[in-house]
Amino acid sequence: MRTYRELFRTPEFIPFFLTSSVQVAAQTVSGLALGTLVYRSTGSPLLSALAMFGTALAQVIGAATLLSAADRVPPRAATTGLALLFALGTAAQALPGLPVWAAFALLLGLGAVAALGGGVRYGLLSEILPREGFLLGRSTIGMAVGTTQICGFAVGGALVTVLSPRGTLLVAAALYVIAAAVARWGLGPRPPRATGRPSVSVTWRTNALLWSSGPRRRVYLALWVPNGLIVGCESLFVPYDPGHSGILFACAALGMLAGDTLTGRFLPRRFRARLDVPLRLLLAVPYLLLALRPALPLALAAVALASVGYSASLLLQERLMSLTPDELSGHALGLHSSGMLTCQGLGAAFAGAVAELSSPATAMAVSAVLSVAVTLALAVEPRKTGSRAVSV
């Protein structure tokens, strides 16, 4: 499968694509609204960053407790139910007079459940598409994420101005309801991929088995840490330039869209094993420029160029799937998603803390340097690509 026509003719891919895109729109709009609301209330770069990315940080809880259910629940029912749960949680965050601590408590709960959602979603994608179509399908979803975020941050910024942050949160809640409807009536019923009862002990045991493989472990670290540190840079866009944060986010999404398009559709297979390290370096290095407080056009160009490097995750996900048996694909991809988002939350917390002690520009530079260091450290040991594992 090498063409978009083949991809979109695959049964169930279109409703899957629409469900994912609408959910991303809801996440984008709600994150910007809540980050703005918290920053106006507290004036804290740290709390603003955590408000935008705290859901990601909380995913470690779900990864440690709920992830075994990703392969053991019917995908359509789980996708629908989780979207409705996010609609309720987002609407609750819009309540007038809601204390900041209560907003963060809701973030914690939604983040834990989101870990399960990632496993269900990407495990379902691996069922809908044949093995050779996974990279194209995953890159197309990434392109949709980029496009939706470009529009979402632009529209979200306008909604915050016109409707207020709380009104924008209600719009996001409505989008989650739409996503639930598309999943319920667009996806077909499918049985769980694995048997057995999900539990915390099963989650821990499977996580340990996936982590015990050296090649998989290095892939996970490469997927999580450099990415998370650079998302920490993005989490500071509001305090870095409050008047232009929306366009900074839009340029980041535009760069991610370009990277996913080039990597997923046009990169020949023979180059895939060679480019993940250069792409991860590209993800970080342009942020060093922002420490100099360049003019806005140059800052926007640096952010867009850096975000092309996010496409390294496509190559690493393909390698992860080659090392994982089919019956654990949802759990493995869910562990990738929740671990990545947890590191993004940690990156946001770290960057916000450094910004509190110095400045947003300095914090971006520190996070970028650490991202480069981690990428180079993981590149020292030769990568092992091996054949597809038959057990864990």
Protein backbone atom coordinates (compact mmCIF):
# COMPACT_ATOMS: atom_id res chain seq x y z
CA MET A 1 0.00 0.00 0.00
CA ARG A 2 1.76 3.12 -1.28
CA THR A 3 -0.96 5.55 -2.36
CA TYR A 4 -3.52 7.64 -0.49
CA ARG A 5 -6.25 6.35 -2.81
CA GLU A 6 -5.61 2.79 -1.63
CA LEU A 7 -5.46 3.96 1.97
CA PHE A 8 -8.80 5.80 1.95
CA ARG A 9 -10.49 2.93 0.10
CA THR A 10 -9.64 0.62 3.00
CA PRO A 11 -12.85 -0.20 4.91
CA GLU A 12 -13.24 1.71 8.19
CA PHE A 13 -10.20 3.93 7.65
CA ILE A 14 -12.28 7.04 6.86
CA PRO A 15 -14.36 6.91 10.08
CA PHE A 16 -11.20 6.12 12.04
CA PHE A 17 -9.49 9.10 10.42
CA LEU A 18 -12.42 11.41 11.15
CA THR A 19 -12.73 10.27 14.77
CA SER A 20 -9.03 10.85 15.37
CA SER A 21 -9.05 14.26 13.66
CA VAL A 22 -12.04 15.57 15.60
CA GLN A 23 -10.51 14.41 18.88
CA VAL A 24 -7.26 16.20 18.04
CA ALA A 25 -9.25 19.34 17.28
CA ALA A 26 -10.92 19.09 20.66
CA GLN A 27 -7.59 18.53 22.45
CA THR A 28 -5.98 21.46 20.64
CA VAL A 29 -8.77 23.92 21.34
CA SER A 30 -9.20 22.84 24.98
CA GLY A 31 -5.46 22.89 25.69
CA LEU A 32 -5.03 26.44 24.42
CA ALA A 33 -8.14 27.58 26.27
CA LEU A 34 -7.15 26.01 29.58
CA GLY A 35 -3.54 27.19 29.31
CA THR A 36 -4.74 30.75 28.67
CA LEU A 37 -7.26 30.56 31.51
CA VAL A 38 -4.67 29.36 34.01
CA TYR A 39 -2.07 31.90 32.87
CA ARG A 40 -4.56 34.75 33.27
CA SER A 41 -5.47 33.50 36.74
CA THR A 42 -1.98 32.80 38.06
CA GLY A 43 0.58 34.53 35.82
CA SER A 44 2.74 31.40 36.16
CA PRO A 45 4.57 29.95 33.13
CA LEU A 46 4.88 26.62 34.95
CA LEU A 47 1.17 26.28 35.68
CA SER A 48 0.28 27.46 32.18
CA ALA A 49 2.55 24.82 30.65
CA LEU A 50 1.13 22.12 32.91
CA ALA A 51 -2.42 23.19 32.08
CA MET A 52 -1.72 22.67 28.37
CA PHE A 53 0.22 19.42 28.72
CA GLY A 54 -0.76 18.06 32.13
CA THR A 55 -3.02 15.46 30.54
CA ALA A 56 0.04 14.03 28.85
CA LEU A 57 2.00 13.95 32.11
CA ALA A 58 -0.77 12.03 33.84
CA GLN A 59 -0.67 9.26 31.23
CA VAL A 60 1.98 7.45 33.27
CA ILE A 61 -0.81 6.53 35.71
CA GLY A 62 -2.90 4.96 32.99
CA ALA A 63 0.12 3.23 31.47
CA ALA A 64 0.81 1.59 34.83
CA THR A 65 -2.77 0.54 35.60
CA LEU A 66 -5.14 0.47 32.61
CA LEU A 67 -3.08 -0.39 29.54
CA SER A 68 -3.71 -4.14 29.61
CA ALA A 69 -7.31 -3.36 28.64
CA ALA A 70 -6.18 -1.91 25.28
CA ASP A 71 -6.17 -5.34 23.62
CA ARG A 72 -8.95 -6.79 25.79
CA VAL A 73 -11.91 -4.46 25.11
CA PRO A 74 -14.06 -4.05 21.97
CA PRO A 75 -12.39 -1.16 20.11
CA ARG A 76 -15.55 0.61 18.92
CA ALA A 77 -17.23 0.66 22.32
CA ALA A 78 -14.04 1.80 24.03
CA THR A 79 -13.39 4.58 21.52
CA THR A 80 -16.96 5.88 21.82
CA GLY A 81 -17.05 5.73 25.61
CA LEU A 82 -13.70 7.44 26.07
CA ALA A 83 -14.68 10.31 23.76
CA LEU A 84 -17.85 10.89 25.82
CA LEU A 85 -15.83 10.81 29.03
CA PHE A 86 -13.50 13.49 27.67
CA ALA A 87 -16.53 15.57 26.67
CA LEU A 88 -17.81 15.50 30.25
CA GLY A 89 -14.39 16.28 31.75
CA THR A 90 -13.76 19.18 29.37
CA ALA A 91 -17.21 20.66 30.04
CA ALA A 92 -16.52 20.44 33.78
CA GLN A 93 -13.34 22.47 33.34
CA ALA A 94 -15.49 25.30 31.95
CA LEU A 95 -17.52 25.68 35.14
CA PRO A 96 -17.38 29.28 36.45
CA GLY A 97 -15.44 29.63 39.66
CA LEU A 98 -13.74 26.24 39.31
CA PRO A 99 -10.56 26.37 41.42
CA VAL A 100 -7.24 25.86 39.67
CA TRP A 101 -6.56 22.76 41.75
CA ALA A 102 -9.85 21.22 40.60
CA ALA A 103 -9.00 21.89 36.95
CA PHE A 104 -5.71 20.06 37.46
CA ALA A 105 -7.49 17.19 39.23
CA LEU A 106 -9.68 16.76 36.15
CA LEU A 107 -6.54 16.84 33.99
CA LEU A 108 -5.04 14.06 36.08
CA GLY A 109 -8.08 11.82 35.66
CA LEU A 110 -8.45 12.46 31.94
CA GLY A 111 -4.76 11.89 31.38
CA ALA A 112 -4.86 8.49 33.06
CA VAL A 113 -7.77 7.39 30.86
CA ALA A 114 -6.08 8.82 27.75
CA ALA A 115 -3.33 6.21 28.04
CA LEU A 116 -5.92 3.50 27.45
CA GLY A 117 -7.37 5.49 24.55
CA GLY A 118 -4.02 5.62 22.78
CA GLY A 119 -3.60 1.85 23.02
CA VAL A 120 -7.11 1.18 21.75
CA ARG A 121 -6.81 3.69 18.90
CA TYR A 122 -3.47 2.62 17.48
CA GLY A 123 -4.13 -1.06 18.05
CA LEU A 124 -7.31 -0.64 15.99
CA LEU A 125 -5.33 1.09 13.25
CA SER A 126 -3.02 -1.93 13.05
CA GLU A 127 -6.11 -4.09 12.51
CA ILE A 128 -7.76 -1.86 9.93
CA LEU A 129 -4.61 -1.60 7.77
CA PRO A 130 -2.36 -4.37 6.45
CA ARG A 131 1.17 -4.47 7.84
CA GLU A 132 2.69 -2.81 4.76
CA GLY A 133 0.19 0.05 5.02
CA PHE A 134 0.82 0.95 8.65
CA LEU A 135 3.52 3.58 8.02
CA LEU A 136 1.43 5.34 5.35
CA GLY A 137 -1.66 5.22 7.55
CA ARG A 138 0.19 6.43 10.64
CA SER A 139 1.83 9.26 8.66
CA THR A 140 -1.57 10.25 7.27
CA ILE A 141 -2.96 10.44 10.79
CA GLY A 142 0.08 12.54 11.70
CA MET A 143 -0.60 14.84 8.75
CA ALA A 144 -4.17 15.20 9.93
CA VAL A 145 -2.91 16.04 13.40
CA GLY A 146 -0.66 18.74 11.93
CA THR A 147 -3.41 20.21 9.76
CA THR A 148 -5.95 20.08 12.57
CA GLN A 149 -3.56 21.74 14.99
CA ILE A 150 -2.76 24.49 12.50
CA CYS A 151 -6.47 25.23 12.19
CA GLY A 152 -7.20 24.43 15.82
CA PHE A 153 -4.67 26.83 17.30
CA ALA A 154 -5.72 29.57 14.90
CA VAL A 155 -9.42 29.00 15.50
CA GLY A 156 -8.83 28.34 19.19
CA GLY A 157 -7.03 31.66 19.58
CA ALA A 158 -9.95 33.42 17.91
CA LEU A 159 -12.48 31.56 20.06
CA VAL A 160 -10.62 32.46 23.25
CA THR A 161 -10.86 36.12 22.21
CA VAL A 162 -14.48 36.00 21.08
CA LEU A 163 -16.05 33.49 23.47
CA SER A 164 -13.59 33.55 26.41
CA PRO A 165 -11.52 30.53 27.52
CA ARG A 166 -14.53 28.91 29.24
CA GLY A 167 -16.68 29.23 26.13
CA THR A 168 -13.88 27.67 24.09
CA LEU A 169 -13.76 24.71 26.48
CA LEU A 170 -17.47 24.10 25.83
CA VAL A 171 -16.78 24.08 22.08
CA ALA A 172 -14.09 21.45 22.68
CA ALA A 173 -16.55 19.35 24.69
CA ALA A 174 -18.99 19.45 21.77
CA LEU A 175 -16.24 18.26 19.44
CA TYR A 176 -15.63 15.22 21.67
CA VAL A 177 -19.34 14.36 21.41
CA ILE A 178 -19.08 14.52 17.61
CA ALA A 179 -16.05 12.20 17.71
CA ALA A 180 -18.02 9.72 19.81
CA ALA A 181 -20.89 9.75 17.30
CA VAL A 182 -18.56 9.15 14.35
CA ALA A 183 -16.90 6.23 16.14
CA ARG A 184 -20.20 4.65 17.17
CA TRP A 185 -21.84 4.76 13.75
CA GLY A 186 -18.79 4.69 11.50
CA LEU A 187 -16.66 1.88 12.91
CA GLY A 188 -17.67 -1.76 12.73
CA PRO A 189 -17.89 -4.07 15.74
CA ARG A 190 -14.67 -5.97 16.39
CA PRO A 191 -13.80 -8.46 19.11
CA PRO A 192 -10.89 -7.78 21.48
CA ARG A 193 -7.46 -8.68 20.11
CA ALA A 194 -6.46 -10.67 23.20
CA THR A 195 -8.25 -12.83 25.72
CA GLY A 196 -8.14 -12.69 29.48
CA ARG A 197 -9.21 -10.20 32.07
CA PRO A 198 -7.41 -6.85 32.16
CA SER A 199 -5.85 -5.92 35.47
CA VAL A 200 -3.10 -3.84 37.00
CA SER A 201 -0.92 -6.94 37.41
CA VAL A 202 -1.32 -7.90 33.75
CA THR A 203 -0.47 -4.33 32.77
CA TRP A 204 2.70 -4.36 34.84
CA ARG A 205 3.72 -7.81 33.59
CA THR A 206 3.26 -6.94 29.93
CA ASN A 207 5.01 -3.60 30.35
CA ALA A 208 7.95 -5.42 31.92
CA LEU A 209 8.08 -7.96 29.09
CA LEU A 210 8.02 -5.27 26.41
CA TRP A 211 10.68 -3.28 28.25
CA SER A 212 12.92 -6.35 28.80
CA SER A 213 13.97 -6.46 25.13
CA GLY A 214 17.05 -4.30 24.51
CA PRO A 215 16.12 -3.27 20.95
CA ARG A 216 12.56 -2.36 21.98
CA ARG A 217 13.82 -0.48 25.01
CA ARG A 218 16.10 1.72 22.92
CA VAL A 219 13.27 2.40 20.46
CA TYR A 220 11.01 3.45 23.30
CA LEU A 221 13.62 5.81 24.74
CA ALA A 222 14.24 7.33 21.31
CA LEU A 223 10.48 7.81 20.86
CA TRP A 224 9.92 9.35 24.27
CA VAL A 225 12.75 11.52 25.56
CA PRO A 226 13.90 13.84 22.70
CA ASN A 227 10.26 14.38 21.73
CA GLY A 228 9.20 15.21 25.28
CA LEU A 229 11.94 17.76 25.79
CA ILE A 230 11.00 19.65 22.63
CA VAL A 231 7.33 19.64 23.54
CA GLY A 232 8.58 21.33 26.71
CA CYS A 233 9.87 24.11 24.46
CA GLU A 234 6.46 24.39 22.80
CA SER A 235 4.72 24.53 26.17
CA LEU A 236 6.39 27.92 26.76
CA PHE A 237 5.00 29.63 23.65
CA VAL A 238 2.35 31.46 25.69
CA PRO A 239 4.78 33.09 28.18
CA TYR A 240 7.49 33.43 25.47
CA ASP A 241 5.25 35.57 23.25
CA PRO A 242 1.67 35.88 24.56
CA GLY A 243 0.53 37.93 21.59
CA HIS A 244 1.74 35.44 18.97
CA SER A 245 1.52 32.08 20.77
CA GLY A 246 -1.24 30.87 18.46
CA ILE A 247 0.83 31.42 15.31
CA LEU A 248 3.87 29.80 16.95
CA PHE A 249 1.79 26.70 17.65
CA ALA A 250 0.40 26.80 14.10
CA CYS A 251 3.93 26.92 12.61
CA ALA A 252 4.96 23.98 14.78
CA ALA A 253 1.98 22.02 13.47
CA LEU A 254 2.80 23.07 9.89
CA GLY A 255 6.34 21.72 10.24
CA MET A 256 5.05 18.46 11.67
CA LEU A 257 2.62 18.16 8.76
CA ALA A 258 5.41 18.67 6.24
CA GLY A 259 7.65 16.11 7.95
CA ASP A 260 4.95 13.45 8.15
CA THR A 261 4.04 13.98 4.49
CA LEU A 262 7.61 13.65 3.25
CA THR A 263 8.51 10.72 5.49
CA GLY A 264 5.31 8.73 5.20
CA ARG A 265 4.67 9.12 1.48
CA PHE A 266 7.96 9.81 -0.27
CA LEU A 267 10.85 8.44 1.82
CA PRO A 268 12.20 5.21 0.23
CA ARG A 269 12.42 2.23 2.54
CA ARG A 270 16.21 1.96 2.11
CA PHE A 271 16.70 5.36 3.80
CA ARG A 272 14.41 4.82 6.76
CA ALA A 273 16.99 3.22 9.07
CA ARG A 274 19.46 6.06 8.46
CA LEU A 275 17.34 9.13 9.02
CA ASP A 276 15.74 8.81 12.45
CA VAL A 277 18.83 10.22 14.23
CA PRO A 278 19.25 13.24 11.90
CA LEU A 279 15.53 13.96 12.20
CA ARG A 280 15.68 13.87 16.00
CA LEU A 281 18.62 16.30 15.90
CA LEU A 282 16.65 18.57 13.58
CA LEU A 283 13.83 18.50 16.12
CA ALA A 284 16.02 20.22 18.74
CA VAL A 285 18.72 22.36 17.15
CA PRO A 286 16.54 25.21 15.76
CA TYR A 287 15.23 25.94 19.26
CA LEU A 288 18.69 27.14 20.26
CA LEU A 289 18.01 30.18 18.09
CA LEU A 290 15.03 31.20 20.21
CA ALA A 291 17.33 31.85 23.16
CA LEU A 292 18.52 34.92 21.22
CA ARG A 293 14.96 36.30 20.98
CA PRO A 294 15.02 36.66 17.16
CA ALA A 295 12.46 38.65 15.20
CA LEU A 296 9.08 36.95 14.86
CA PRO A 297 9.51 35.73 11.22
CA LEU A 298 12.80 34.03 12.09
CA ALA A 299 11.34 32.48 15.23
CA LEU A 300 8.40 31.11 13.23
CA ALA A 301 10.75 29.63 10.62
CA ALA A 302 12.88 27.98 13.33
CA VAL A 303 9.84 26.44 15.00
CA ALA A 304 8.46 25.12 11.68
CA LEU A 305 11.83 23.64 10.66
CA ALA A 306 12.32 21.95 14.01
CA SER A 307 8.89 20.31 13.89
CA VAL A 308 9.80 18.49 10.67
CA GLY A 309 11.91 16.33 13.00
CA TYR A 310 8.82 14.89 14.67
CA SER A 311 8.55 12.55 11.67
CA ALA A 312 11.36 10.48 13.21
CA SER A 313 8.65 8.91 15.37
CA LEU A 314 7.08 7.32 12.27
CA LEU A 315 10.29 5.48 11.49
CA LEU A 316 10.69 4.41 15.10
CA GLN A 317 7.08 3.21 15.35
CA GLU A 318 7.59 1.07 12.27
CA ARG A 319 10.66 -0.44 13.91
CA LEU A 320 8.73 -1.02 17.14
CA MET A 321 6.02 -2.93 15.27
CA SER A 322 8.65 -5.13 13.62
CA LEU A 323 9.81 -6.13 17.11
CA THR A 324 6.36 -6.81 18.61
CA PRO A 325 3.92 -9.72 18.10
CA ASP A 326 0.46 -8.92 16.75
CA GLU A 327 -1.44 -9.85 19.90
CA LEU A 328 0.47 -7.18 21.84
CA SER A 329 0.36 -4.47 19.20
CA GLY A 330 -2.24 -2.37 21.01
CA HIS A 331 -0.41 -2.61 24.33
CA ALA A 332 2.97 -1.86 22.72
CA LEU A 333 1.64 1.15 20.81
CA GLY A 334 -0.29 2.29 23.86
CA LEU A 335 2.91 2.11 25.92
CA HIS A 336 4.63 4.18 23.22
CA SER A 337 1.81 6.74 23.18
CA SER A 338 1.44 7.05 26.95
CA GLY A 339 5.20 7.06 27.55
CA MET A 340 5.70 9.71 24.89
CA LEU A 341 2.93 11.89 26.27
CA THR A 342 4.17 11.40 29.82
CA CYS A 343 7.60 12.58 28.73
CA GLN A 344 5.94 15.51 27.01
CA GLY A 345 4.27 16.41 30.28
CA LEU A 346 7.56 16.02 32.14
CA GLY A 347 9.24 18.13 29.47
CA ALA A 348 6.61 20.83 29.96
CA ALA A 349 7.06 20.72 33.74
CA PHE A 350 10.85 20.86 33.43
CA ALA A 351 10.79 23.71 30.92
CA GLY A 352 8.25 25.61 33.00
CA ALA A 353 10.37 25.21 36.15
CA VAL A 354 13.51 26.44 34.36
CA ALA A 355 11.50 29.38 32.96
CA GLU A 356 10.38 30.29 36.47
CA LEU A 357 14.05 30.55 37.52
CA SER A 358 15.35 32.21 34.34
CA SER A 359 13.21 33.02 31.27
CA PRO A 360 11.16 31.10 28.67
CA ALA A 361 13.88 31.63 26.03
CA THR A 362 16.59 30.21 28.30
CA ALA A 363 14.40 27.25 29.23
CA MET A 364 13.87 26.44 25.55
CA ALA A 365 17.63 26.42 24.94
CA VAL A 366 18.28 24.15 27.94
CA SER A 367 15.62 21.66 26.81
CA ALA A 368 16.99 21.67 23.25
CA VAL A 369 20.55 20.96 24.42
CA LEU A 370 19.33 18.04 26.56
CA SER A 371 17.35 16.64 23.62
CA VAL A 372 20.46 16.70 21.42
CA ALA A 373 22.50 15.01 24.16
CA VAL A 374 19.96 12.18 24.58
CA THR A 375 19.74 11.58 20.82
CA LEU A 376 23.53 11.37 20.50
CA ALA A 377 23.78 9.06 23.51
CA LEU A 378 21.22 6.65 22.05
CA ALA A 379 23.01 6.74 18.69
CA VAL A 380 26.35 5.57 20.16
CA GLU A 381 25.35 1.92 20.46
CA PRO A 382 24.65 0.27 17.06
CA ARG A 383 20.95 -0.21 16.42
CA LYS A 384 19.59 -3.73 16.13
CA THR A 385 16.70 -4.12 13.77
CA GLY A 386 16.34 -7.92 13.79
CA SER A 387 13.36 -9.87 12.53
CA ARG A 388 9.89 -9.70 13.91
CA ALA A 389 9.74 -11.18 17.39
CA VAL A 390 7.58 -14.24 17.97
CA SER A 391 7.41 -13.81 21.75
CA VAL A 392 8.24 -11.32 24.42
